[in-house]
Amino acid sequence: MPLRSAGSGTVPRDAVHHPLFARCYARFSVRAESRFGLAGMRERLLSGLSGRVIEIGAGNGLNFAHYPGAVSEIVAIEPERTLRQLAVESALRSGVPVDVVPGVAEKLPVKSEAFDAVVLSLVLCSVRDVPRALAEARRVLRPGGVVRFFEHGRGGGPAMAFTQRALDRTLWPPLNGGCRLARDPVAALRDAGFELGPYRRVLIPENGPALPTSYCVLGTAWRPVTDE
């Protein structure tokens, strides 16, 4: 049975279906927590959050263990069934209340202005329509609410940029759950009308070779208190 999204139409429960990628991602992501320093990135991403939070594209729920106790509720949106089932298991071990629900970033099944914070963690690379997804993030966030983002995208010199674009046009998206390497998350947030706060660019792994997936950005943005 589909979920009804406030003002956004009907969302099928399995709008995204990448079971092979989901299983591979689940195994790799757990190893990357310690080997690539992602656990520390998640701590910095979520530090200081409070109130009601919506996490868009929760994956297998690795963020849940890092939310501070001041968070009163997390609504975790995950469209892929295999990852969503793993996220439910992670939610049961979380120290804060987590409700894992199906849905896609472009049609969030929640009311407008219902959240104090939006979390975007390695998700903008794979959404089908980035402007629409960020418009939805802005819709569900209260005026003055915060966006925390940790995303990968374009980076490096001309040779790396060429490589990222070439991979995006060929094998990378179908093999990696629709991921695009050459997107610019900071520009996308700015274009969506968010006020950018501090952010910093990091390499993942920080001390390893630079790969097409290595160029990440960790930062904060806000929905303006008064929208134009």
C-alpha atoms as a PDB file:
ATOM      1  CA  MET A   1       0.000   0.000   0.000  1.00  0.00           C
ATOM      2  CA  PRO A   2       1.491   3.396  -0.917  1.00  0.00           C
ATOM      3  CA  LEU A   3       2.229   6.136   1.552  1.00  0.00           C
ATOM      4  CA  ARG A   4       0.512   9.484   1.119  1.00  0.00           C
ATOM      5  CA  SER A   5       2.914  12.424   1.190  1.00  0.00           C
ATOM      6  CA  ALA A   6       1.643  15.790   2.393  1.00  0.00           C
ATOM      7  CA  GLY A   7       1.362  17.867  -0.746  1.00  0.00           C
ATOM      8  CA  SER A   8       3.592  15.527  -2.737  1.00  0.00           C
ATOM      9  CA  GLY A   9       1.419  12.777  -4.214  1.00  0.00           C
ATOM     10  CA  THR A  10       1.739   9.013  -3.829  1.00  0.00           C
ATOM     11  CA  VAL A  11       5.004   7.150  -3.300  1.00  0.00           C
ATOM     12  CA  PRO A  12       5.399   3.440  -4.106  1.00  0.00           C
ATOM     13  CA  ARG A  13       7.049   1.452  -1.339  1.00  0.00           C
ATOM     14  CA  ASP A  14       9.798   0.133  -3.631  1.00  0.00           C
ATOM     15  CA  ALA A  15      10.474   3.149  -5.819  1.00  0.00           C
ATOM     16  CA  VAL A  16      14.179   2.211  -5.701  1.00  0.00           C
ATOM     17  CA  HIS A  17      15.277  -1.392  -6.161  1.00  0.00           C
ATOM     18  CA  HIS A  18      19.000  -2.211  -6.173  1.00  0.00           C
ATOM     19  CA  PRO A  19      19.264  -5.446  -4.149  1.00  0.00           C
ATOM     20  CA  LEU A  20      22.736  -6.505  -5.345  1.00  0.00           C
ATOM     21  CA  PHE A  21      24.223  -3.055  -4.813  1.00  0.00           C
ATOM     22  CA  ALA A  22      22.479  -2.800  -1.429  1.00  0.00           C
ATOM     23  CA  ARG A  23      24.074  -6.016  -0.166  1.00  0.00           C
ATOM     24  CA  CYS A  24      27.527  -4.958  -1.400  1.00  0.00           C
ATOM     25  CA  TYR A  25      27.133  -1.458   0.049  1.00  0.00           C
ATOM     26  CA  ALA A  26      26.045  -2.819   3.421  1.00  0.00           C
ATOM     27  CA  ARG A  27      29.177  -4.942   3.731  1.00  0.00           C
ATOM     28  CA  PHE A  28      31.564  -2.262   2.467  1.00  0.00           C
ATOM     29  CA  SER A  29      30.086   0.568   4.531  1.00  0.00           C
ATOM     30  CA  VAL A  30      30.499  -1.283   7.822  1.00  0.00           C
ATOM     31  CA  ARG A  31      34.196  -1.889   7.083  1.00  0.00           C
ATOM     32  CA  ALA A  32      34.648   1.739   6.018  1.00  0.00           C
ATOM     33  CA  GLU A  33      33.527   3.009   9.426  1.00  0.00           C
ATOM     34  CA  SER A  34      36.912   2.253  10.949  1.00  0.00           C
ATOM     35  CA  ARG A  35      39.190   1.739   7.940  1.00  0.00           C
ATOM     36  CA  PHE A  36      38.292   5.032   6.222  1.00  0.00           C
ATOM     37  CA  GLY A  37      37.379   7.107   9.264  1.00  0.00           C
ATOM     38  CA  LEU A  38      33.693   7.414   8.421  1.00  0.00           C
ATOM     39  CA  ALA A  39      32.584   6.856  12.003  1.00  0.00           C
ATOM     40  CA  GLY A  40      34.389  10.053  12.993  1.00  0.00           C
ATOM     41  CA  MET A  41      32.794  11.918  10.100  1.00  0.00           C
ATOM     42  CA  ARG A  42      29.353  10.813  11.274  1.00  0.00           C
ATOM     43  CA  GLU A  43      30.112  12.069  14.786  1.00  0.00           C
ATOM     44  CA  ARG A  44      31.044  15.497  13.431  1.00  0.00           C
ATOM     45  CA  LEU A  45      28.085  15.512  11.053  1.00  0.00           C
ATOM     46  CA  LEU A  46      25.518  14.967  13.812  1.00  0.00           C
ATOM     47  CA  SER A  47      27.119  16.703  16.795  1.00  0.00           C
ATOM     48  CA  GLY A  48      24.871  19.234  18.513  1.00  0.00           C
ATOM     49  CA  LEU A  49      21.614  18.293  16.809  1.00  0.00           C
ATOM     50  CA  SER A  50      18.383  18.403  18.811  1.00  0.00           C
ATOM     51  CA  GLY A  51      14.628  18.123  18.367  1.00  0.00           C
ATOM     52  CA  ARG A  52      12.958  16.303  15.473  1.00  0.00           C
ATOM     53  CA  VAL A  53      15.256  15.163  12.664  1.00  0.00           C
ATOM     54  CA  ILE A  54      14.547  13.707   9.253  1.00  0.00           C
ATOM     55  CA  GLU A  55      17.350  11.729   7.656  1.00  0.00           C
ATOM     56  CA  ILE A  56      16.906  11.413   3.902  1.00  0.00           C
ATOM     57  CA  GLY A  57      18.423   8.265   2.443  1.00  0.00           C
ATOM     58  CA  ALA A  58      19.339   6.529   5.687  1.00  0.00           C
ATOM     59  CA  GLY A  59      20.875   3.488   3.978  1.00  0.00           C
ATOM     60  CA  ASN A  60      21.618   0.750   6.479  1.00  0.00           C
ATOM     61  CA  GLY A  61      21.337   3.118   9.429  1.00  0.00           C
ATOM     62  CA  LEU A  62      24.977   3.665  10.324  1.00  0.00           C
ATOM     63  CA  ASN A  63      24.264   7.231  11.433  1.00  0.00           C
ATOM     64  CA  PHE A  64      21.797   6.171  14.121  1.00  0.00           C
ATOM     65  CA  ALA A  65      24.434   5.285  16.717  1.00  0.00           C
ATOM     66  CA  HIS A  66      25.937   8.774  16.470  1.00  0.00           C
ATOM     67  CA  TYR A  67      22.881  10.955  17.135  1.00  0.00           C
ATOM     68  CA  PRO A  68      23.130  12.936  20.396  1.00  0.00           C
ATOM     69  CA  GLY A  69      20.621  12.382  23.182  1.00  0.00           C
ATOM     70  CA  ALA A  70      19.058  15.818  22.628  1.00  0.00           C
ATOM     71  CA  VAL A  71      17.426  14.473  19.459  1.00  0.00           C
ATOM     72  CA  SER A  72      13.848  13.619  20.400  1.00  0.00           C
ATOM     73  CA  GLU A  73      12.885  11.710  17.243  1.00  0.00           C
ATOM     74  CA  ILE A  74      14.376  10.624  13.921  1.00  0.00           C
ATOM     75  CA  VAL A  75      12.316   9.862  10.847  1.00  0.00           C
ATOM     76  CA  ALA A  76      14.620   7.924   8.546  1.00  0.00           C
ATOM     77  CA  ILE A  77      13.607   7.728   4.888  1.00  0.00           C
ATOM     78  CA  GLU A  78      15.047   4.834   2.872  1.00  0.00           C
ATOM     79  CA  PRO A  79      13.593   3.692  -0.474  1.00  0.00           C
ATOM     80  CA  GLU A  80      15.640   0.502  -1.007  1.00  0.00           C
ATOM     81  CA  ARG A  81      14.080  -2.509   0.709  1.00  0.00           C
ATOM     82  CA  THR A  82      17.257  -4.383   1.648  1.00  0.00           C
ATOM     83  CA  LEU A  83      18.900  -1.308   3.138  1.00  0.00           C
ATOM     84  CA  ARG A  84      15.646  -0.328   4.848  1.00  0.00           C
ATOM     85  CA  GLN A  85      15.473  -3.706   6.609  1.00  0.00           C
ATOM     86  CA  LEU A  86      19.039  -3.248   7.850  1.00  0.00           C
ATOM     87  CA  ALA A  87      18.179   0.277   8.976  1.00  0.00           C
ATOM     88  CA  VAL A  88      15.298  -1.091  11.055  1.00  0.00           C
ATOM     89  CA  GLU A  89      17.748  -3.414  12.803  1.00  0.00           C
ATOM     90  CA  SER A  90      20.081  -0.462  13.447  1.00  0.00           C
ATOM     91  CA  ALA A  91      17.155   1.579  14.776  1.00  0.00           C
ATOM     92  CA  LEU A  92      16.423  -1.072  17.399  1.00  0.00           C
ATOM     93  CA  ARG A  93      19.942  -0.598  18.771  1.00  0.00           C
ATOM     94  CA  SER A  94      19.813   3.210  18.716  1.00  0.00           C
ATOM     95  CA  GLY A  95      19.767   5.311  21.858  1.00  0.00           C
ATOM     96  CA  VAL A  96      17.196   7.707  20.360  1.00  0.00           C
ATOM     97  CA  PRO A  97      13.760   6.934  18.854  1.00  0.00           C
ATOM     98  CA  VAL A  98      14.027   6.122  15.138  1.00  0.00           C
ATOM     99  CA  ASP A  99      11.140   5.495  12.747  1.00  0.00           C
ATOM    100  CA  VAL A 100      12.358   3.946   9.477  1.00  0.00           C
ATOM    101  CA  VAL A 101       9.904   4.455   6.634  1.00  0.00           C
ATOM    102  CA  PRO A 102       9.870   3.941   2.855  1.00  0.00           C
ATOM    103  CA  GLY A 103       9.918   6.944   0.583  1.00  0.00           C
ATOM    104  CA  VAL A 104      12.028   8.825  -1.930  1.00  0.00           C
ATOM    105  CA  ALA A 105      13.814  12.139  -1.533  1.00  0.00           C
ATOM    106  CA  GLU A 106      11.714  13.756  -4.239  1.00  0.00           C
ATOM    107  CA  LYS A 107       8.411  12.927  -2.463  1.00  0.00           C
ATOM    108  CA  LEU A 108       8.918  12.848   1.268  1.00  0.00           C
ATOM    109  CA  PRO A 109       5.948  11.237   3.082  1.00  0.00           C
ATOM    110  CA  VAL A 110       5.846  13.820   5.891  1.00  0.00           C
ATOM    111  CA  LYS A 111       4.193  17.161   6.638  1.00  0.00           C
ATOM    112  CA  SER A 112       5.645  20.539   5.781  1.00  0.00           C
ATOM    113  CA  GLU A 113       7.794  22.403   8.341  1.00  0.00           C
ATOM    114  CA  ALA A 114       7.690  19.416  10.704  1.00  0.00           C
ATOM    115  CA  PHE A 115      11.406  19.066  11.483  1.00  0.00           C
ATOM    116  CA  ASP A 116      14.147  20.986  13.230  1.00  0.00           C
ATOM    117  CA  ALA A 117      16.913  19.405  11.154  1.00  0.00           C
ATOM    118  CA  VAL A 118      17.500  17.562   7.884  1.00  0.00           C
ATOM    119  CA  VAL A 119      20.419  15.157   7.541  1.00  0.00           C
ATOM    120  CA  LEU A 120      21.867  14.376   4.105  1.00  0.00           C
ATOM    121  CA  SER A 121      24.561  11.734   4.247  1.00  0.00           C
ATOM    122  CA  LEU A 122      26.019  10.295   1.021  1.00  0.00           C
ATOM    123  CA  VAL A 123      22.628  10.527  -0.668  1.00  0.00           C
ATOM    124  CA  LEU A 124      22.622  13.456  -3.133  1.00  0.00           C
ATOM    125  CA  CYS A 125      24.901  11.492  -5.448  1.00  0.00           C
ATOM    126  CA  SER A 126      22.162   8.965  -6.130  1.00  0.00           C
ATOM    127  CA  VAL A 127      18.833  10.816  -6.049  1.00  0.00           C
ATOM    128  CA  ARG A 128      17.236  11.074  -9.468  1.00  0.00           C
ATOM    129  CA  ASP A 129      16.299  14.759  -9.255  1.00  0.00           C
ATOM    130  CA  VAL A 130      18.549  16.793  -6.955  1.00  0.00           C
ATOM    131  CA  PRO A 131      16.663  20.147  -7.205  1.00  0.00           C
ATOM    132  CA  ARG A 132      13.357  18.450  -6.465  1.00  0.00           C
ATOM    133  CA  ALA A 133      14.844  16.483  -3.567  1.00  0.00           C
ATOM    134  CA  LEU A 134      16.286  19.629  -2.014  1.00  0.00           C
ATOM    135  CA  ALA A 135      12.999  21.470  -2.540  1.00  0.00           C
ATOM    136  CA  GLU A 136      11.368  18.701  -0.511  1.00  0.00           C
ATOM    137  CA  ALA A 137      14.048  18.994   2.172  1.00  0.00           C
ATOM    138  CA  ARG A 138      13.320  22.703   2.381  1.00  0.00           C
ATOM    139  CA  ARG A 139       9.564  22.057   2.528  1.00  0.00           C
ATOM    140  CA  VAL A 140       9.735  19.719   5.517  1.00  0.00           C
ATOM    141  CA  LEU A 141      12.246  21.842   7.456  1.00  0.00           C
ATOM    142  CA  ARG A 142      10.935  24.598   9.711  1.00  0.00           C
ATOM    143  CA  PRO A 143      12.089  28.164   8.926  1.00  0.00           C
ATOM    144  CA  GLY A 144      15.499  28.589  10.501  1.00  0.00           C
ATOM    145  CA  GLY A 145      15.989  24.822  10.659  1.00  0.00           C
ATOM    146  CA  VAL A 146      19.396  23.302   9.997  1.00  0.00           C
ATOM    147  CA  VAL A 147      20.706  21.002   7.274  1.00  0.00           C
ATOM    148  CA  ARG A 148      23.706  18.833   8.073  1.00  0.00           C
ATOM    149  CA  PHE A 149      25.367  17.338   5.012  1.00  0.00           C
ATOM    150  CA  PHE A 150      28.186  14.913   4.296  1.00  0.00           C
ATOM    151  CA  GLU A 151      28.364  14.238   0.577  1.00  0.00           C
ATOM    152  CA  HIS A 152      30.827  13.242  -2.100  1.00  0.00           C
ATOM    153  CA  GLY A 153      31.085  14.833  -5.528  1.00  0.00           C
ATOM    154  CA  ARG A 154      33.319  16.478  -8.073  1.00  0.00           C
ATOM    155  CA  GLY A 155      36.887  17.257  -7.127  1.00  0.00           C
ATOM    156  CA  GLY A 156      40.524  17.082  -8.069  1.00  0.00           C
ATOM    157  CA  GLY A 157      42.157  18.476 -11.169  1.00  0.00           C
ATOM    158  CA  PRO A 158      41.132  18.279 -14.834  1.00  0.00           C
ATOM    159  CA  ALA A 159      42.135  14.626 -15.196  1.00  0.00           C
ATOM    160  CA  MET A 160      40.030  13.561 -12.219  1.00  0.00           C
ATOM    161  CA  ALA A 161      37.088  15.688 -13.371  1.00  0.00           C
ATOM    162  CA  PHE A 162      37.274  14.016 -16.794  1.00  0.00           C
ATOM    163  CA  THR A 163      37.391  10.589 -15.148  1.00  0.00           C
ATOM    164  CA  GLN A 164      34.370  11.325 -12.959  1.00  0.00           C
ATOM    165  CA  ARG A 165      32.310  12.547 -15.928  1.00  0.00           C
ATOM    166  CA  ALA A 166      33.337   9.554 -18.040  1.00  0.00           C
ATOM    167  CA  LEU A 167      32.346   7.114 -15.314  1.00  0.00           C
ATOM    168  CA  ASP A 168      29.012   8.924 -14.856  1.00  0.00           C
ATOM    169  CA  ARG A 169      28.255   8.434 -18.559  1.00  0.00           C
ATOM    170  CA  THR A 170      29.100   4.742 -18.585  1.00  0.00           C
ATOM    171  CA  LEU A 171      29.256   1.982 -15.997  1.00  0.00           C
ATOM    172  CA  TRP A 172      29.327   3.730 -12.631  1.00  0.00           C
ATOM    173  CA  PRO A 173      25.626   4.581 -12.080  1.00  0.00           C
ATOM    174  CA  PRO A 174      24.179   1.181 -13.050  1.00  0.00           C
ATOM    175  CA  LEU A 175      26.769  -0.647 -10.947  1.00  0.00           C
ATOM    176  CA  ASN A 176      26.435   1.620  -7.913  1.00  0.00           C
ATOM    177  CA  GLY A 177      22.760   2.218  -7.264  1.00  0.00           C
ATOM    178  CA  GLY A 178      22.469   5.287  -9.508  1.00  0.00           C
ATOM    179  CA  CYS A 179      25.422   7.122  -7.918  1.00  0.00           C
ATOM    180  CA  ARG A 180      26.886  10.080  -9.848  1.00  0.00           C
ATOM    181  CA  LEU A 181      30.452  11.126  -9.121  1.00  0.00           C
ATOM    182  CA  ALA A 182      30.564  14.614 -10.662  1.00  0.00           C
ATOM    183  CA  ARG A 183      27.713  16.361  -8.828  1.00  0.00           C
ATOM    184  CA  ASP A 184      28.362  19.479  -6.746  1.00  0.00           C
ATOM    185  CA  PRO A 185      26.387  19.242  -3.467  1.00  0.00           C
ATOM    186  CA  VAL A 186      27.396  22.688  -2.190  1.00  0.00           C
ATOM    187  CA  ALA A 187      26.216  24.426  -5.361  1.00  0.00           C
ATOM    188  CA  ALA A 188      23.019  22.365  -5.321  1.00  0.00           C
ATOM    189  CA  LEU A 189      22.203  23.455  -1.759  1.00  0.00           C
ATOM    190  CA  ARG A 190      22.889  27.084  -2.615  1.00  0.00           C
ATOM    191  CA  ASP A 191      20.725  26.881  -5.751  1.00  0.00           C
ATOM    192  CA  ALA A 192      17.908  25.352  -3.666  1.00  0.00           C
ATOM    193  CA  GLY A 193      17.769  28.492  -1.513  1.00  0.00           C
ATOM    194  CA  PHE A 194      19.568  27.286   1.590  1.00  0.00           C
ATOM    195  CA  GLU A 195      21.914  29.599   3.469  1.00  0.00           C
ATOM    196  CA  LEU A 196      25.298  27.926   3.592  1.00  0.00           C
ATOM    197  CA  GLY A 197      27.168  27.839   6.864  1.00  0.00           C
ATOM    198  CA  PRO A 198      30.659  26.518   7.503  1.00  0.00           C
ATOM    199  CA  TYR A 199      31.759  23.558   5.449  1.00  0.00           C
ATOM    200  CA  ARG A 200      35.018  21.854   4.687  1.00  0.00           C
ATOM    201  CA  ARG A 201      36.235  19.582   1.947  1.00  0.00           C
ATOM    202  CA  VAL A 202      37.848  16.292   2.936  1.00  0.00           C
ATOM    203  CA  LEU A 203      39.364  13.293   1.210  1.00  0.00           C
ATOM    204  CA  ILE A 204      38.083   9.824   2.061  1.00  0.00           C
ATOM    205  CA  PRO A 205      40.253   7.992   2.906  1.00  0.00           C
ATOM    206  CA  GLU A 206      42.136  10.974   4.292  1.00  0.00           C
ATOM    207  CA  ASN A 207      45.582   9.376   3.956  1.00  0.00           C
ATOM    208  CA  GLY A 208      44.941   7.081   1.040  1.00  0.00           C
ATOM    209  CA  PRO A 209      45.062   7.474  -2.741  1.00  0.00           C
ATOM    210  CA  ALA A 210      42.612   9.956  -4.274  1.00  0.00           C
ATOM    211  CA  LEU A 211      39.837   7.991  -5.972  1.00  0.00           C
ATOM    212  CA  PRO A 212      36.881   9.310  -8.004  1.00  0.00           C
ATOM    213  CA  THR A 213      34.759   8.818  -4.862  1.00  0.00           C
ATOM    214  CA  SER A 214      37.219  10.498  -2.473  1.00  0.00           C
ATOM    215  CA  TYR A 215      36.158  14.146  -2.769  1.00  0.00           C
ATOM    216  CA  CYS A 216      33.736  14.847   0.070  1.00  0.00           C
ATOM    217  CA  VAL A 217      32.287  17.879   1.808  1.00  0.00           C
ATOM    218  CA  LEU A 218      31.057  18.106   5.400  1.00  0.00           C
ATOM    219  CA  GLY A 219      29.026  21.106   6.470  1.00  0.00           C
ATOM    220  CA  THR A 220      25.942  22.975   7.600  1.00  0.00           C
ATOM    221  CA  ALA A 221      23.210  24.983   5.910  1.00  0.00           C
ATOM    222  CA  TRP A 222      19.946  26.574   7.025  1.00  0.00           C
ATOM    223  CA  ARG A 223      16.505  27.216   5.667  1.00  0.00           C
ATOM    224  CA  PRO A 224      16.129  31.001   5.789  1.00  0.00           C
ATOM    225  CA  VAL A 225      13.858  32.250   8.551  1.00  0.00           C
ATOM    226  CA  THR A 226      11.985  34.299   5.969  1.00  0.00           C
ATOM    227  CA  ASP A 227      11.680  32.641   2.559  1.00  0.00           C
ATOM    228  CA  GLU A 228      11.550  34.942  -0.436  1.00  0.00           C
END
